C-alpha atoms as a PDB file:
ATOM      1  CA  MET A   1      -9.419  -2.186  -3.147  1.00  0.00           C
ATOM      2  CA  THR A   2      -8.578  -4.918  -5.559  1.00  0.00           C
ATOM      3  CA  ASP A   3      -8.236  -8.568  -4.654  1.00  0.00           C
ATOM      4  CA  ALA A   4      -5.150 -10.699  -5.201  1.00  0.00           C
ATOM      5  CA  GLN A   5      -6.491 -11.791  -8.574  1.00  0.00           C
ATOM      6  CA  GLY A   6      -7.011  -8.155  -9.593  1.00  0.00           C
ATOM      7  CA  VAL A   7      -3.473  -7.217  -8.601  1.00  0.00           C
ATOM      8  CA  CYS A   8      -2.173  -9.977 -10.840  1.00  0.00           C
ATOM      9  CA  MET A   9      -4.270  -8.843 -13.794  1.00  0.00           C
ATOM     10  CA  PRO A  10      -2.350  -7.200 -16.620  1.00  0.00           C
ATOM     11  CA  GLN A  11      -1.596  -3.514 -16.353  1.00  0.00           C
ATOM     12  CA  ALA A  12      -3.783  -1.373 -18.574  1.00  0.00           C
ATOM     13  CA  GLU A  13      -1.738  -0.585 -21.656  1.00  0.00           C
ATOM     14  CA  ILE A  14      -4.539  -0.080 -24.156  1.00  0.00           C
ATOM     15  CA  SER A  15      -7.403   2.064 -22.916  1.00  0.00           C
ATOM     16  CA  ASP A  16     -10.981   0.861 -23.052  1.00  0.00           C
ATOM     17  CA  PRO A  17     -13.359   3.850 -23.128  1.00  0.00           C
ATOM     18  CA  ALA A  18     -15.829   1.935 -20.941  1.00  0.00           C
ATOM     19  CA  VAL A  19     -13.362   1.531 -18.028  1.00  0.00           C
ATOM     20  CA  PRO A  20     -12.908   4.406 -15.507  1.00  0.00           C
ATOM     21  CA  TYR A  21      -9.114   4.274 -15.215  1.00  0.00           C
ATOM     22  CA  VAL A  22      -8.572   7.722 -13.725  1.00  0.00           C
ATOM     23  CA  ARG A  23     -10.329   7.011 -10.420  1.00  0.00           C
ATOM     24  CA  GLY A  24      -8.278   3.847  -9.846  1.00  0.00           C
ATOM     25  CA  TRP A  25      -5.020   5.472 -10.866  1.00  0.00           C
ATOM     26  CA  SER A  26      -5.707   8.497  -8.664  1.00  0.00           C
ATOM     27  CA  ALA A  27      -6.291   6.297  -5.622  1.00  0.00           C
ATOM     28  CA  ALA A  28      -3.129   4.345  -6.419  1.00  0.00           C
ATOM     29  CA  ARG A  29      -1.163   7.574  -6.826  1.00  0.00           C
ATOM     30  CA  GLN A  30      -2.255   8.860  -3.412  1.00  0.00           C
ATOM     31  CA  SER A  31      -1.255   5.578  -1.782  1.00  0.00           C
ATOM     32  CA  THR A  32       2.031   5.485  -3.684  1.00  0.00           C
ATOM     33  CA  ASP A  33       2.862   9.012  -2.553  1.00  0.00           C
ATOM     34  CA  ALA A  34       2.027   8.148   1.079  1.00  0.00           C
ATOM     35  CA  LEU A  35       4.201   5.026   0.951  1.00  0.00           C
ATOM     36  CA  ALA A  36       7.044   6.897  -0.763  1.00  0.00           C
ATOM     37  CA  GLU A  37       6.931   9.568   1.951  1.00  0.00           C
ATOM     38  CA  GLN A  38       7.243   6.951   4.705  1.00  0.00           C
ATOM     39  CA  LEU A  39      10.002   5.080   2.881  1.00  0.00           C
ATOM     40  CA  MET A  40      11.883   8.349   2.483  1.00  0.00           C
ATOM     41  CA  ALA A  41      11.479   9.141   6.199  1.00  0.00           C
ATOM     42  CA  LEU A  42      12.979   5.722   6.991  1.00  0.00           C
ATOM     43  CA  GLY A  43      15.832   6.205   4.528  1.00  0.00           C
ATOM     44  CA  LEU A  44      14.551   3.391   2.303  1.00  0.00           C
ATOM     45  CA  SER A  45      13.516   5.280  -0.822  1.00  0.00           C
ATOM     46  CA  ALA A  46      16.602   4.050  -2.709  1.00  0.00           C
ATOM     47  CA  ASP A  47      15.532   0.464  -1.995  1.00  0.00           C
ATOM     48  CA  PHE A  48      12.280   0.952  -3.921  1.00  0.00           C
ATOM     49  CA  PRO A  49      13.373   2.725  -7.125  1.00  0.00           C
ATOM     50  CA  ALA A  50      10.511   1.319  -9.219  1.00  0.00           C
ATOM     51  CA  LEU A  51       7.701   2.340  -6.821  1.00  0.00           C
ATOM     52  CA  LYS A  52       4.857   3.713  -8.923  1.00  0.00           C
ATOM     53  CA  ALA A  53       1.113   3.954  -9.277  1.00  0.00           C
ATOM     54  CA  GLY A  54      -0.626   1.861 -11.883  1.00  0.00           C
ATOM     55  CA  VAL A  55      -3.993   0.621 -12.976  1.00  0.00           C
ATOM     56  CA  ASN A  56      -5.056  -2.793 -14.199  1.00  0.00           C
ATOM     57  CA  VAL A  57      -7.281  -3.621 -17.156  1.00  0.00           C
ATOM     58  CA  ARG A  58     -10.407  -3.372 -14.969  1.00  0.00           C
ATOM     59  CA  GLY A  59      -9.500   0.128 -13.795  1.00  0.00           C
ATOM     60  CA  ASP A  60      -8.454  -0.955 -10.304  1.00  0.00           C
ATOM     61  CA  GLY A  61      -5.634   1.134  -8.902  1.00  0.00           C
ATOM     62  CA  ILE A  62      -2.522  -0.788  -7.948  1.00  0.00           C
ATOM     63  CA  VAL A  63       0.737   0.208  -6.298  1.00  0.00           C
ATOM     64  CA  ARG A  64       3.741  -1.403  -7.930  1.00  0.00           C
ATOM     65  CA  LEU A  65       6.724  -1.869  -5.638  1.00  0.00           C
ATOM     66  CA  GLY A  66       8.915  -3.197  -8.432  1.00  0.00           C
ATOM     67  CA  ALA A  67      11.799  -5.570  -7.971  1.00  0.00           C
ATOM     68  CA  ILE A  68      13.508  -5.086  -4.612  1.00  0.00           C
ATOM     69  CA  ARG A  69      16.467  -6.729  -2.911  1.00  0.00           C
ATOM     70  CA  PRO A  70      15.688  -9.519  -0.416  1.00  0.00           C
ATOM     71  CA  ASP A  71      17.098  -7.517   2.493  1.00  0.00           C
ATOM     72  CA  ALA A  72      14.800  -4.588   1.611  1.00  0.00           C
ATOM     73  CA  ALA A  73      11.808  -6.961   1.654  1.00  0.00           C
ATOM     74  CA  SER A  74      12.935  -8.393   5.001  1.00  0.00           C
ATOM     75  CA  LEU A  75      13.326  -4.915   6.465  1.00  0.00           C
ATOM     76  CA  LEU A  76       9.896  -3.887   5.193  1.00  0.00           C
ATOM     77  CA  ALA A  77       8.376  -7.022   6.764  1.00  0.00           C
ATOM     78  CA  LEU A  78      10.154  -6.235  10.051  1.00  0.00           C
ATOM     79  CA  LEU A  79       8.850  -2.657  10.030  1.00  0.00           C
ATOM     80  CA  LEU A  80       5.298  -3.803   9.306  1.00  0.00           C
ATOM     81  CA  THR A  81       5.479  -6.359  12.107  1.00  0.00           C
ATOM     82  CA  ALA A  82       6.805  -3.748  14.528  1.00  0.00           C
ATOM     83  CA  GLY A  83       4.047  -1.330  13.570  1.00  0.00           C
ATOM     84  CA  LEU A  84       1.362  -3.964  14.017  1.00  0.00           C
ATOM     85  CA  THR A  85       2.821  -4.955  17.385  1.00  0.00           C
ATOM     86  CA  VAL A  86       2.677  -1.353  18.579  1.00  0.00           C
ATOM     87  CA  GLU A  87      -0.885  -0.972  17.295  1.00  0.00           C
ATOM     88  CA  MET A  88      -2.016  -4.181  19.018  1.00  0.00           C
ATOM     89  CA  ALA A  89      -0.425  -3.077  22.296  1.00  0.00           C
ATOM     90  CA  ARG A  90      -2.094   0.310  21.967  1.00  0.00           C
ATOM     91  CA  ASN A  91      -5.487  -1.348  21.452  1.00  0.00           C
ATOM     92  CA  GLU A  92      -4.995  -3.639  24.457  1.00  0.00           C
ATOM     93  CA  ASN A  93      -4.234  -0.647  26.680  1.00  0.00           C
ATOM     94  CA  ARG A  94      -7.126   1.419  25.391  1.00  0.00           C
ATOM     95  CA  PRO A  95      -9.918   1.944  27.946  1.00  0.00           C
ATOM     96  CA  GLY A  96     -13.322   0.622  26.998  1.00  0.00           C
ATOM     97  CA  GLY A  97     -12.503  -2.824  25.724  1.00  0.00           C
ATOM     98  CA  ASP A  98     -10.107  -4.851  23.678  1.00  0.00           C
ATOM     99  CA  ASP A  99     -12.229  -5.554  20.611  1.00  0.00           C
ATOM    100  CA  GLY A 100      -9.635  -3.967  18.353  1.00  0.00           C
ATOM    101  CA  ALA A 101     -12.061  -1.313  17.115  1.00  0.00           C
ATOM    102  CA  SER A 102     -10.363   1.994  16.587  1.00  0.00           C
ATOM    103  CA  THR A 103     -11.829   5.033  18.291  1.00  0.00           C
ATOM    104  CA  ASP A 104      -9.550   7.446  16.439  1.00  0.00           C
ATOM    105  CA  ALA A 105     -11.261   9.985  14.208  1.00  0.00           C
ATOM    106  CA  ALA A 106     -10.582   9.464  10.508  1.00  0.00           C
END
């Protein structure tokens, strides 16, 4: 995972043979595909037409959402908040404690 500074680094446009770009891009591609699948299920794929995998100059994978309309960003924030609310409620109701640790198998 890259930090905020890494996300803001320039996209790799000229390859440096010493940087392992493929690993970062592959991870970004998997995440991009997973996000695209969920956006499609919610009927929001048209709101994110520039969604794509990328890699920065250090070889860190990044997911580029592209320019989106303000209402699409607001809806995405609402959906994330709703998902987190459900997850927090699920953790509170889980037997064995409320430390927030997930007991689900990965």
